[in-house]
Amino acid sequence: NDLNAYFNGAIGDFTIDFNADFVYNPTDKEGVTPEESDNYDDRNIVTTNSVLNKLAAQKLVVGHELMGGRIDVGAEATFTNRTDETSSNLEEFVPSVSSEARQKAIAGFAEYKRTFAQKYSLTAGLRYEHLNLDFYNNGQLDSEASTVYSELFPSVSFSGVIGKYIQLQFAYNEKISRPSYFSMSNNVTY
């Protein structure tokens, strides 16, 4: 179940780009693995995996002309919740496990773009992010997988043309890479 709402337009001299997404996505999967043995009884291992993903995300960007260039200022917020439960008919071999990730992220950003002499372009930006992730394994908060951080991420790029044959470009930005929910999970598959 997905829902998306957006507005892209202008009010006076200001451009406005707004979008919001909402996702509610439950999935249930069952797996059957037959085991055949020469020494023991044959059996089927039946596993059930239930996953529920919930997301609410909003982003607003307002733009305006400024000092011969353009400035865009915006904010975004993302709230996610993922639960993942796995159980089996033979607990002694494939134990039941559950995990839950609750994440709240907010960000504010500004970016300025300007072209000089119709052949040079400069873009500079700054982004602030605050994230709070609580990760639970079998109902217990996992402090190693949970995190809270607040960071600034600057970016700058410059491009231009010199003469007929030389093009140049310089770019710098800082980013962060986060693990997937699956990589933090304690779930066992069989």
N, C-alpha and C. Protein backbone atom coordinates (compact mmCIF):
# COMPACT_ATOMS: atom_id res chain seq x y z
N ASN A 1 0.85 -1.18 0.00
CA ASN A 1 0.00 0.00 0.00
C ASN A 1 0.89 1.23 0.00
N ASP A 2 0.86 1.99 -1.06
CA ASP A 2 1.68 3.18 -1.20
C ASP A 2 0.79 4.38 -1.46
N LEU A 3 1.20 5.52 -0.95
CA LEU A 3 0.50 6.77 -1.20
C LEU A 3 1.55 7.85 -1.43
N ASN A 4 1.36 8.64 -2.48
CA ASN A 4 2.29 9.72 -2.80
C ASN A 4 1.49 10.99 -3.04
N ALA A 5 1.97 12.10 -2.50
CA ALA A 5 1.37 13.41 -2.74
C ALA A 5 2.49 14.37 -3.08
N TYR A 6 2.24 15.28 -4.03
CA TYR A 6 3.29 16.23 -4.39
C TYR A 6 2.70 17.52 -4.92
N PHE A 7 3.52 18.56 -4.86
CA PHE A 7 3.20 19.87 -5.45
C PHE A 7 4.49 20.41 -6.03
N ASN A 8 4.44 20.82 -7.27
CA ASN A 8 5.59 21.43 -7.92
C ASN A 8 5.07 22.65 -8.66
N GLY A 9 5.43 23.83 -8.17
CA GLY A 9 4.92 25.04 -8.79
C GLY A 9 5.63 26.26 -8.24
N ALA A 10 4.96 27.39 -8.36
CA ALA A 10 5.54 28.65 -7.91
C ALA A 10 4.47 29.48 -7.23
N ILE A 11 4.92 30.22 -6.24
CA ILE A 11 4.08 31.22 -5.59
C ILE A 11 4.88 32.52 -5.63
N GLY A 12 4.45 33.43 -6.45
CA GLY A 12 5.21 34.67 -6.66
C GLY A 12 6.55 34.34 -7.30
N ASP A 13 7.63 34.85 -6.71
CA ASP A 13 8.98 34.60 -7.22
C ASP A 13 9.62 33.34 -6.63
N PHE A 14 8.91 32.63 -5.82
CA PHE A 14 9.45 31.44 -5.15
C PHE A 14 8.96 30.17 -5.85
N THR A 15 9.89 29.25 -6.11
CA THR A 15 9.50 27.94 -6.60
C THR A 15 9.34 27.01 -5.40
N ILE A 16 8.38 26.12 -5.50
CA ILE A 16 8.11 25.21 -4.40
C ILE A 16 8.02 23.79 -4.96
N ASP A 17 8.77 22.90 -4.33
CA ASP A 17 8.74 21.48 -4.68
C ASP A 17 8.50 20.71 -3.39
N PHE A 18 7.33 20.10 -3.29
CA PHE A 18 6.97 19.35 -2.09
C PHE A 18 6.53 17.95 -2.51
N ASN A 19 7.00 16.94 -1.77
CA ASN A 19 6.47 15.61 -1.99
C ASN A 19 6.46 14.85 -0.67
N ALA A 20 5.51 13.93 -0.60
CA ALA A 20 5.34 13.09 0.59
C ALA A 20 5.02 11.67 0.14
N ASP A 21 5.60 10.71 0.82
CA ASP A 21 5.36 9.30 0.52
C ASP A 21 4.99 8.57 1.80
N PHE A 22 4.05 7.65 1.66
CA PHE A 22 3.65 6.79 2.76
C PHE A 22 3.60 5.36 2.23
N VAL A 23 4.22 4.44 2.98
CA VAL A 23 4.26 3.04 2.55
C VAL A 23 3.88 2.16 3.73
N TYR A 24 3.02 1.19 3.46
CA TYR A 24 2.66 0.16 4.44
C TYR A 24 2.72 -1.15 3.66
N ASN A 25 3.74 -1.98 3.94
CA ASN A 25 4.00 -3.13 3.11
C ASN A 25 4.23 -4.38 3.95
N PRO A 26 3.19 -5.17 4.22
CA PRO A 26 3.38 -6.44 4.93
C PRO A 26 3.63 -7.58 3.92
N THR A 27 4.54 -8.48 4.26
CA THR A 27 4.76 -9.68 3.45
C THR A 27 4.91 -10.89 4.36
N ASP A 28 4.38 -11.99 3.92
CA ASP A 28 4.51 -13.26 4.63
C ASP A 28 5.00 -14.30 3.63
N LYS A 29 6.05 -15.03 4.02
CA LYS A 29 6.59 -16.09 3.16
C LYS A 29 6.74 -17.35 3.98
N GLU A 30 6.42 -18.47 3.34
CA GLU A 30 6.61 -19.76 3.99
C GLU A 30 7.56 -20.58 3.13
N GLY A 31 8.49 -21.24 3.79
CA GLY A 31 9.43 -22.10 3.08
C GLY A 31 9.39 -23.51 3.65
N VAL A 32 9.47 -24.47 2.76
CA VAL A 32 9.50 -25.87 3.18
C VAL A 32 10.78 -26.48 2.63
N THR A 33 11.61 -27.01 3.53
CA THR A 33 12.86 -27.66 3.14
C THR A 33 12.80 -29.11 3.57
N PRO A 34 12.75 -30.04 2.61
CA PRO A 34 12.74 -31.46 2.99
C PRO A 34 14.14 -31.94 3.37
N GLU A 35 14.23 -32.68 4.45
CA GLU A 35 15.49 -33.29 4.87
C GLU A 35 15.36 -34.80 4.73
N GLU A 36 16.31 -35.38 4.07
CA GLU A 36 16.33 -36.82 3.92
C GLU A 36 17.60 -37.34 4.59
N SER A 37 17.46 -38.39 5.36
CA SER A 37 18.59 -38.91 6.13
C SER A 37 18.62 -40.43 6.06
N ASP A 38 19.82 -40.99 6.02
CA ASP A 38 19.97 -42.44 6.07
C ASP A 38 19.89 -42.95 7.51
N ASN A 39 20.22 -42.07 8.48
CA ASN A 39 20.29 -42.50 9.88
C ASN A 39 19.09 -42.08 10.72
N TYR A 40 18.34 -41.07 10.26
CA TYR A 40 17.22 -40.55 11.05
C TYR A 40 15.98 -40.51 10.17
N ASP A 41 14.86 -40.15 10.80
CA ASP A 41 13.61 -40.02 10.04
C ASP A 41 13.69 -38.83 9.10
N ASP A 42 13.12 -38.98 7.92
CA ASP A 42 13.00 -37.84 7.02
C ASP A 42 12.01 -36.85 7.62
N ARG A 43 12.21 -35.56 7.33
CA ARG A 43 11.31 -34.54 7.89
C ARG A 43 11.32 -33.30 7.01
N ASN A 44 10.34 -32.49 7.22
CA ASN A 44 10.24 -31.20 6.54
C ASN A 44 10.45 -30.10 7.57
N ILE A 45 11.35 -29.16 7.25
CA ILE A 45 11.53 -27.96 8.07
C ILE A 45 10.68 -26.87 7.43
N VAL A 46 9.70 -26.38 8.16
CA VAL A 46 8.80 -25.35 7.65
C VAL A 46 9.13 -24.04 8.37
N THR A 47 9.50 -23.02 7.61
CA THR A 47 9.80 -21.70 8.19
C THR A 47 8.78 -20.69 7.68
N THR A 48 8.44 -19.77 8.55
CA THR A 48 7.53 -18.68 8.21
C THR A 48 8.26 -17.37 8.50
N ASN A 49 8.25 -16.48 7.52
CA ASN A 49 8.89 -15.17 7.68
C ASN A 49 7.85 -14.09 7.43
N SER A 50 7.65 -13.24 8.42
CA SER A 50 6.71 -12.12 8.31
C SER A 50 7.48 -10.82 8.43
N VAL A 51 7.32 -9.95 7.46
CA VAL A 51 8.00 -8.65 7.45
C VAL A 51 6.95 -7.57 7.29
N LEU A 52 7.08 -6.50 8.06
CA LEU A 52 6.20 -5.34 7.92
C LEU A 52 7.08 -4.10 7.79
N ASN A 53 6.98 -3.42 6.66
CA ASN A 53 7.70 -2.17 6.42
C ASN A 53 6.72 -1.02 6.44
N LYS A 54 7.04 0.02 7.23
CA LYS A 54 6.23 1.24 7.26
C LYS A 54 7.16 2.43 7.04
N LEU A 55 6.71 3.38 6.22
CA LEU A 55 7.52 4.55 5.90
C LEU A 55 6.63 5.77 5.76
N ALA A 56 7.10 6.88 6.30
CA ALA A 56 6.50 8.19 6.04
C ALA A 56 7.67 9.13 5.75
N ALA A 57 7.65 9.76 4.59
CA ALA A 57 8.75 10.64 4.20
C ALA A 57 8.18 11.89 3.54
N GLN A 58 8.75 13.05 3.91
CA GLN A 58 8.33 14.32 3.34
C GLN A 58 9.56 15.14 3.00
N LYS A 59 9.45 15.93 1.90
CA LYS A 59 10.54 16.81 1.50
C LYS A 59 9.95 18.09 0.92
N LEU A 60 10.50 19.23 1.33
CA LEU A 60 10.08 20.53 0.84
C LEU A 60 11.31 21.32 0.44
N VAL A 61 11.30 21.85 -0.80
CA VAL A 61 12.40 22.69 -1.29
C VAL A 61 11.79 23.98 -1.82
N VAL A 62 12.30 25.10 -1.32
CA VAL A 62 11.86 26.43 -1.78
C VAL A 62 13.05 27.10 -2.44
N GLY A 63 12.85 27.62 -3.66
CA GLY A 63 13.93 28.25 -4.41
C GLY A 63 13.61 29.69 -4.76
N HIS A 64 14.69 30.48 -4.93
CA HIS A 64 14.54 31.90 -5.28
C HIS A 64 15.83 32.39 -5.92
N GLU A 65 15.68 33.35 -6.81
CA GLU A 65 16.85 33.99 -7.42
C GLU A 65 17.55 34.85 -6.36
N LEU A 66 18.91 34.81 -6.36
CA LEU A 66 19.67 35.57 -5.35
C LEU A 66 21.03 35.94 -5.92
N MET A 67 21.36 37.21 -5.95
CA MET A 67 22.66 37.74 -6.35
C MET A 67 23.18 37.11 -7.65
N GLY A 68 22.34 37.08 -8.66
CA GLY A 68 22.74 36.56 -9.96
C GLY A 68 22.72 35.05 -10.06
N GLY A 69 22.33 34.39 -9.02
CA GLY A 69 22.27 32.93 -9.02
C GLY A 69 20.94 32.46 -8.48
N ARG A 70 20.95 31.27 -7.94
CA ARG A 70 19.73 30.68 -7.39
C ARG A 70 20.05 29.98 -6.08
N ILE A 71 19.20 30.18 -5.10
CA ILE A 71 19.35 29.49 -3.83
C ILE A 71 18.13 28.59 -3.62
N ASP A 72 18.40 27.37 -3.17
CA ASP A 72 17.35 26.42 -2.79
C ASP A 72 17.56 26.07 -1.32
N VAL A 73 16.50 26.17 -0.55
CA VAL A 73 16.53 25.85 0.87
C VAL A 73 15.43 24.83 1.12
N GLY A 74 15.75 23.81 1.93
CA GLY A 74 14.73 22.80 2.14
C GLY A 74 14.90 22.01 3.41
N ALA A 75 13.95 21.13 3.63
CA ALA A 75 13.95 20.24 4.79
C ALA A 75 13.29 18.94 4.39
N GLU A 76 13.71 17.88 5.06
CA GLU A 76 13.07 16.59 4.83
C GLU A 76 13.04 15.81 6.14
N ALA A 77 12.07 14.92 6.23
CA ALA A 77 11.91 14.06 7.40
C ALA A 77 11.50 12.68 6.92
N THR A 78 12.10 11.67 7.53
CA THR A 78 11.79 10.29 7.18
C THR A 78 11.60 9.48 8.46
N PHE A 79 10.53 8.75 8.51
CA PHE A 79 10.24 7.88 9.64
C PHE A 79 10.00 6.48 9.09
N THR A 80 10.80 5.51 9.55
CA THR A 80 10.64 4.14 9.09
C THR A 80 10.51 3.20 10.28
N ASN A 81 9.80 2.12 10.05
CA ASN A 81 9.68 1.07 11.04
C ASN A 81 9.62 -0.25 10.29
N ARG A 82 10.53 -1.17 10.62
CA ARG A 82 10.56 -2.48 9.96
C ARG A 82 10.60 -3.56 11.03
N THR A 83 9.66 -4.47 10.97
CA THR A 83 9.67 -5.63 11.84
C THR A 83 9.86 -6.87 10.96
N ASP A 84 10.63 -7.82 11.48
CA ASP A 84 10.97 -9.03 10.74
C ASP A 84 10.96 -10.19 11.72
N GLU A 85 10.03 -11.13 11.52
CA GLU A 85 9.90 -12.27 12.43
C GLU A 85 9.99 -13.56 11.64
N THR A 86 10.81 -14.49 12.13
CA THR A 86 10.97 -15.79 11.49
C THR A 86 10.74 -16.88 12.54
N SER A 87 9.95 -17.87 12.18
CA SER A 87 9.71 -19.00 13.09
C SER A 87 9.74 -20.30 12.27
N SER A 88 9.89 -21.42 12.97
CA SER A 88 9.91 -22.71 12.29
C SER A 88 9.14 -23.74 13.10
N ASN A 89 8.84 -24.87 12.44
CA ASN A 89 8.13 -25.94 13.13
C ASN A 89 9.07 -26.77 14.01
N LEU A 90 10.40 -26.59 13.84
CA LEU A 90 11.38 -27.31 14.65
C LEU A 90 12.31 -26.31 15.33
N GLU A 91 11.85 -25.77 16.44
CA GLU A 91 12.58 -24.71 17.16
C GLU A 91 13.98 -25.12 17.57
N GLU A 92 14.21 -26.41 17.85
CA GLU A 92 15.53 -26.83 18.30
C GLU A 92 16.58 -26.72 17.20
N PHE A 93 16.16 -26.70 15.92
CA PHE A 93 17.10 -26.60 14.81
C PHE A 93 17.11 -25.20 14.19
N VAL A 94 15.95 -24.61 14.08
CA VAL A 94 15.84 -23.25 13.52
C VAL A 94 15.01 -22.43 14.51
N PRO A 95 15.67 -21.75 15.46
CA PRO A 95 14.93 -21.03 16.49
C PRO A 95 14.22 -19.80 15.93
N SER A 96 13.13 -19.42 16.57
CA SER A 96 12.40 -18.21 16.19
C SER A 96 13.23 -16.98 16.57
N VAL A 97 13.20 -16.00 15.68
CA VAL A 97 13.90 -14.74 15.94
C VAL A 97 13.03 -13.59 15.44
N SER A 98 13.27 -12.43 16.02
CA SER A 98 12.57 -11.23 15.55
C SER A 98 13.51 -10.04 15.65
N SER A 99 13.29 -9.10 14.76
CA SER A 99 14.05 -7.85 14.82
C SER A 99 13.11 -6.71 14.46
N GLU A 100 13.44 -5.54 14.97
CA GLU A 100 12.67 -4.33 14.66
C GLU A 100 13.63 -3.15 14.57
N ALA A 101 13.45 -2.36 13.54
CA ALA A 101 14.24 -1.14 13.37
C ALA A 101 13.28 0.04 13.32
N ARG A 102 13.53 1.01 14.18
CA ARG A 102 12.74 2.25 14.20
C ARG A 102 13.70 3.41 13.95
N GLN A 103 13.49 4.11 12.86
CA GLN A 103 14.40 5.19 12.51
C GLN A 103 13.65 6.49 12.29
N LYS A 104 14.20 7.56 12.86
CA LYS A 104 13.68 8.91 12.65
C LYS A 104 14.84 9.75 12.13
N ALA A 105 14.65 10.36 10.97
CA ALA A 105 15.71 11.18 10.39
C ALA A 105 15.12 12.51 9.92
N ILE A 106 15.81 13.60 10.28
CA ILE A 106 15.41 14.92 9.79
C ILE A 106 16.65 15.58 9.19
N ALA A 107 16.42 16.44 8.22
CA ALA A 107 17.54 17.12 7.58
C ALA A 107 17.09 18.50 7.12
N GLY A 108 18.03 19.44 7.14
CA GLY A 108 17.84 20.75 6.57
C GLY A 108 19.01 21.03 5.63
N PHE A 109 18.77 21.75 4.55
CA PHE A 109 19.85 21.95 3.59
C PHE A 109 19.64 23.26 2.83
N ALA A 110 20.75 23.75 2.28
CA ALA A 110 20.74 24.93 1.43
C ALA A 110 21.78 24.73 0.34
N GLU A 111 21.46 25.21 -0.87
CA GLU A 111 22.38 25.08 -1.99
C GLU A 111 22.29 26.34 -2.85
N TYR A 112 23.45 26.87 -3.21
CA TYR A 112 23.52 28.08 -4.05
C TYR A 112 24.22 27.73 -5.36
N LYS A 113 23.61 28.14 -6.48
CA LYS A 113 24.17 27.88 -7.81
C LYS A 113 24.30 29.21 -8.55
N ARG A 114 25.44 29.34 -9.27
CA ARG A 114 25.62 30.55 -10.05
C ARG A 114 26.51 30.26 -11.25
N THR A 115 26.18 30.87 -12.38
CA THR A 115 26.97 30.76 -13.60
C THR A 115 27.66 32.11 -13.83
N PHE A 116 28.96 32.03 -14.21
CA PHE A 116 29.75 33.24 -14.46
C PHE A 116 30.19 33.24 -15.93
N ALA A 117 30.08 34.38 -16.58
CA ALA A 117 30.57 34.57 -17.94
C ALA A 117 30.06 33.47 -18.88
N GLN A 118 28.96 32.90 -18.59
CA GLN A 118 28.30 31.86 -19.39
C GLN A 118 29.17 30.63 -19.66
N LYS A 119 30.29 30.48 -18.95
CA LYS A 119 31.10 29.28 -19.15
C LYS A 119 31.66 28.68 -17.87
N TYR A 120 31.41 29.32 -16.74
CA TYR A 120 31.83 28.78 -15.45
C TYR A 120 30.60 28.62 -14.56
N SER A 121 30.56 27.53 -13.82
CA SER A 121 29.43 27.26 -12.95
C SER A 121 29.94 26.86 -11.57
N LEU A 122 29.34 27.44 -10.53
CA LEU A 122 29.71 27.16 -9.15
C LEU A 122 28.46 26.76 -8.38
N THR A 123 28.58 25.68 -7.61
CA THR A 123 27.51 25.23 -6.73
C THR A 123 28.12 24.95 -5.37
N ALA A 124 27.49 25.48 -4.32
CA ALA A 124 27.95 25.24 -2.95
C ALA A 124 26.74 24.93 -2.09
N GLY A 125 26.89 23.93 -1.22
CA GLY A 125 25.76 23.55 -0.39
C GLY A 125 26.20 23.06 0.98
N LEU A 126 25.24 23.01 1.87
CA LEU A 126 25.46 22.51 3.22
C LEU A 126 24.20 21.76 3.65
N ARG A 127 24.40 20.58 4.21
CA ARG A 127 23.29 19.74 4.66
C ARG A 127 23.53 19.35 6.12
N TYR A 128 22.50 19.47 6.94
CA TYR A 128 22.54 19.03 8.33
C TYR A 128 21.59 17.85 8.47
N GLU A 129 22.07 16.75 9.08
CA GLU A 129 21.23 15.58 9.31
C GLU A 129 21.26 15.19 10.79
N HIS A 130 20.10 14.82 11.28
CA HIS A 130 19.99 14.23 12.62
C HIS A 130 19.24 12.92 12.45
N LEU A 131 19.83 11.84 12.97
CA LEU A 131 19.24 10.51 12.82
C LEU A 131 19.23 9.81 14.16
N ASN A 132 18.12 9.12 14.42
CA ASN A 132 17.99 8.30 15.62
C ASN A 132 17.49 6.94 15.17
N LEU A 133 18.30 5.90 15.33
CA LEU A 133 17.93 4.53 14.96
C LEU A 133 17.95 3.65 16.19
N ASP A 134 16.82 3.05 16.51
CA ASP A 134 16.73 2.07 17.58
C ASP A 134 16.51 0.71 16.92
N PHE A 135 17.41 -0.25 17.22
CA PHE A 135 17.34 -1.57 16.62
C PHE A 135 17.15 -2.60 17.73
N TYR A 136 16.15 -3.46 17.56
CA TYR A 136 15.81 -4.45 18.57
C TYR A 136 16.00 -5.85 18.00
N ASN A 137 16.67 -6.71 18.75
CA ASN A 137 16.79 -8.13 18.44
C ASN A 137 16.02 -8.90 19.50
N ASN A 138 15.04 -9.67 19.06
CA ASN A 138 14.19 -10.45 19.98
C ASN A 138 13.63 -9.60 21.12
N GLY A 139 13.20 -8.40 20.80
CA GLY A 139 12.57 -7.51 21.77
C GLY A 139 13.52 -6.74 22.65
N GLN A 140 14.82 -6.96 22.53
CA GLN A 140 15.81 -6.27 23.35
C GLN A 140 16.55 -5.23 22.51
N LEU A 141 16.73 -4.04 23.05
CA LEU A 141 17.46 -3.00 22.34
C LEU A 141 18.90 -3.44 22.12
N ASP A 142 19.36 -3.40 20.88
CA ASP A 142 20.74 -3.75 20.53
C ASP A 142 21.53 -2.45 20.44
N SER A 143 22.31 -2.16 21.49
CA SER A 143 23.03 -0.88 21.55
C SER A 143 24.12 -0.78 20.50
N GLU A 144 24.69 -1.91 20.05
CA GLU A 144 25.72 -1.85 19.01
C GLU A 144 25.14 -1.48 17.65
N ALA A 145 23.92 -1.92 17.36
CA ALA A 145 23.29 -1.62 16.07
C ALA A 145 22.51 -0.30 16.11
N SER A 146 22.18 0.19 17.29
CA SER A 146 21.44 1.45 17.43
C SER A 146 22.41 2.62 17.38
N THR A 147 21.92 3.76 16.91
CA THR A 147 22.80 4.93 16.82
C THR A 147 22.00 6.22 16.84
N VAL A 148 22.66 7.26 17.28
CA VAL A 148 22.13 8.63 17.20
C VAL A 148 23.28 9.49 16.71
N TYR A 149 23.03 10.29 15.70
CA TYR A 149 24.09 11.20 15.27
C TYR A 149 23.51 12.46 14.66
N SER A 150 24.30 13.49 14.69
CA SER A 150 24.00 14.77 14.04
C SER A 150 25.26 15.18 13.29
N GLU A 151 25.14 15.44 12.00
CA GLU A 151 26.31 15.73 11.17
C GLU A 151 26.02 16.85 10.18
N LEU A 152 27.08 17.56 9.81
CA LEU A 152 27.04 18.54 8.72
C LEU A 152 27.76 17.94 7.52
N PHE A 153 27.18 18.11 6.33
CA PHE A 153 27.75 17.59 5.11
C PHE A 153 27.90 18.73 4.10
N PRO A 154 29.11 19.25 3.91
CA PRO A 154 29.30 20.32 2.92
C PRO A 154 29.50 19.73 1.52
N SER A 155 29.23 20.55 0.52
CA SER A 155 29.50 20.15 -0.86
C SER A 155 29.82 21.40 -1.67
N VAL A 156 30.69 21.23 -2.66
CA VAL A 156 31.02 22.32 -3.57
C VAL A 156 31.42 21.70 -4.91
N SER A 157 31.04 22.36 -5.99
CA SER A 157 31.48 21.92 -7.31
C SER A 157 31.70 23.14 -8.19
N PHE A 158 32.66 23.00 -9.09
CA PHE A 158 33.01 24.06 -10.02
C PHE A 158 33.28 23.42 -11.37
N SER A 159 32.75 24.00 -12.41
CA SER A 159 33.02 23.49 -13.76
C SER A 159 33.17 24.67 -14.71
N GLY A 160 33.90 24.43 -15.79
CA GLY A 160 34.10 25.50 -16.75
C GLY A 160 34.78 25.02 -18.01
N VAL A 161 34.90 25.93 -18.94
CA VAL A 161 35.53 25.66 -20.23
C VAL A 161 36.63 26.70 -20.43
N ILE A 162 37.82 26.21 -20.83
CA ILE A 162 38.94 27.10 -21.14
C ILE A 162 39.28 26.88 -22.62
N GLY A 163 39.09 27.90 -23.41
CA GLY A 163 39.36 27.77 -24.84
C GLY A 163 38.38 26.82 -25.50
N LYS A 164 38.83 26.21 -26.60
CA LYS A 164 37.95 25.32 -27.36
C LYS A 164 37.96 23.88 -26.85
N TYR A 165 39.06 23.42 -26.28
CA TYR A 165 39.25 22.00 -26.06
C TYR A 165 39.37 21.58 -24.59
N ILE A 166 39.44 22.50 -23.70
CA ILE A 166 39.69 22.14 -22.30
C ILE A 166 38.44 22.38 -21.47
N GLN A 167 37.96 21.31 -20.85
CA GLN A 167 36.87 21.40 -19.89
C GLN A 167 37.40 20.95 -18.54
N LEU A 168 36.98 21.63 -17.51
CA LEU A 168 37.43 21.24 -16.19
C LEU A 168 36.25 21.14 -15.24
N GLN A 169 36.44 20.26 -14.25
CA GLN A 169 35.40 20.08 -13.24
C GLN A 169 36.06 19.67 -11.94
N PHE A 170 35.60 20.28 -10.87
CA PHE A 170 36.06 19.97 -9.52
C PHE A 170 34.81 19.78 -8.67
N ALA A 171 34.80 18.74 -7.86
CA ALA A 171 33.65 18.51 -6.98
C ALA A 171 34.12 17.90 -5.67
N TYR A 172 33.50 18.32 -4.60
CA TYR A 172 33.78 17.77 -3.28
C TYR A 172 32.45 17.66 -2.54
N ASN A 173 32.21 16.50 -1.93
CA ASN A 173 31.06 16.37 -1.05
C ASN A 173 31.33 15.27 -0.04
N GLU A 174 30.65 15.37 1.07
CA GLU A 174 30.76 14.35 2.11
C GLU A 174 29.45 13.59 2.15
N LYS A 175 29.56 12.28 2.32
CA LYS A 175 28.39 11.42 2.40
C LYS A 175 28.59 10.41 3.52
N ILE A 176 27.52 9.72 3.84
CA ILE A 176 27.59 8.67 4.85
C ILE A 176 26.95 7.42 4.29
N SER A 177 27.47 6.28 4.67
CA SER A 177 26.92 5.00 4.24
C SER A 177 26.43 4.26 5.47
N ARG A 178 25.20 3.78 5.40
CA ARG A 178 24.62 3.07 6.54
C ARG A 178 24.35 1.62 6.16
N PRO A 179 24.40 0.70 7.12
CA PRO A 179 24.09 -0.70 6.81
C PRO A 179 22.60 -0.87 6.52
N SER A 180 22.27 -1.88 5.73
CA SER A 180 20.87 -2.20 5.47
C SER A 180 20.26 -2.82 6.73
N TYR A 181 18.95 -2.77 6.83
CA TYR A 181 18.28 -3.41 7.95
C TYR A 181 18.58 -4.91 7.96
N PHE A 182 18.64 -5.52 6.78
CA PHE A 182 18.89 -6.96 6.69
C PHE A 182 20.25 -7.32 7.28
N SER A 183 21.27 -6.50 7.04
CA SER A 183 22.61 -6.82 7.54
C SER A 183 22.69 -6.70 9.06
N MET A 184 21.79 -5.97 9.69
CA MET A 184 21.81 -5.85 11.15
C MET A 184 20.96 -6.93 11.83
N SER A 185 20.17 -7.64 11.05
CA SER A 185 19.22 -8.60 11.61
C SER A 185 19.92 -9.84 12.14
N ASN A 186 19.29 -10.46 13.13
CA ASN A 186 19.80 -11.73 13.66
C ASN A 186 19.06 -12.91 13.07
N ASN A 187 18.26 -12.68 12.03
CA ASN A 187 17.43 -13.74 11.46
C ASN A 187 18.28 -14.84 10.83
N VAL A 188 17.81 -16.06 11.02
CA VAL A 188 18.47 -17.24 10.48
C VAL A 188 17.57 -17.78 9.38
N THR A 189 18.16 -18.10 8.24
CA THR A 189 17.38 -18.75 7.18
C THR A 189 17.85 -20.19 7.04
N TYR A 190 16.93 -21.02 6.60
CA TYR A 190 17.26 -22.43 6.47
C TYR A 190 16.87 -22.86 5.06
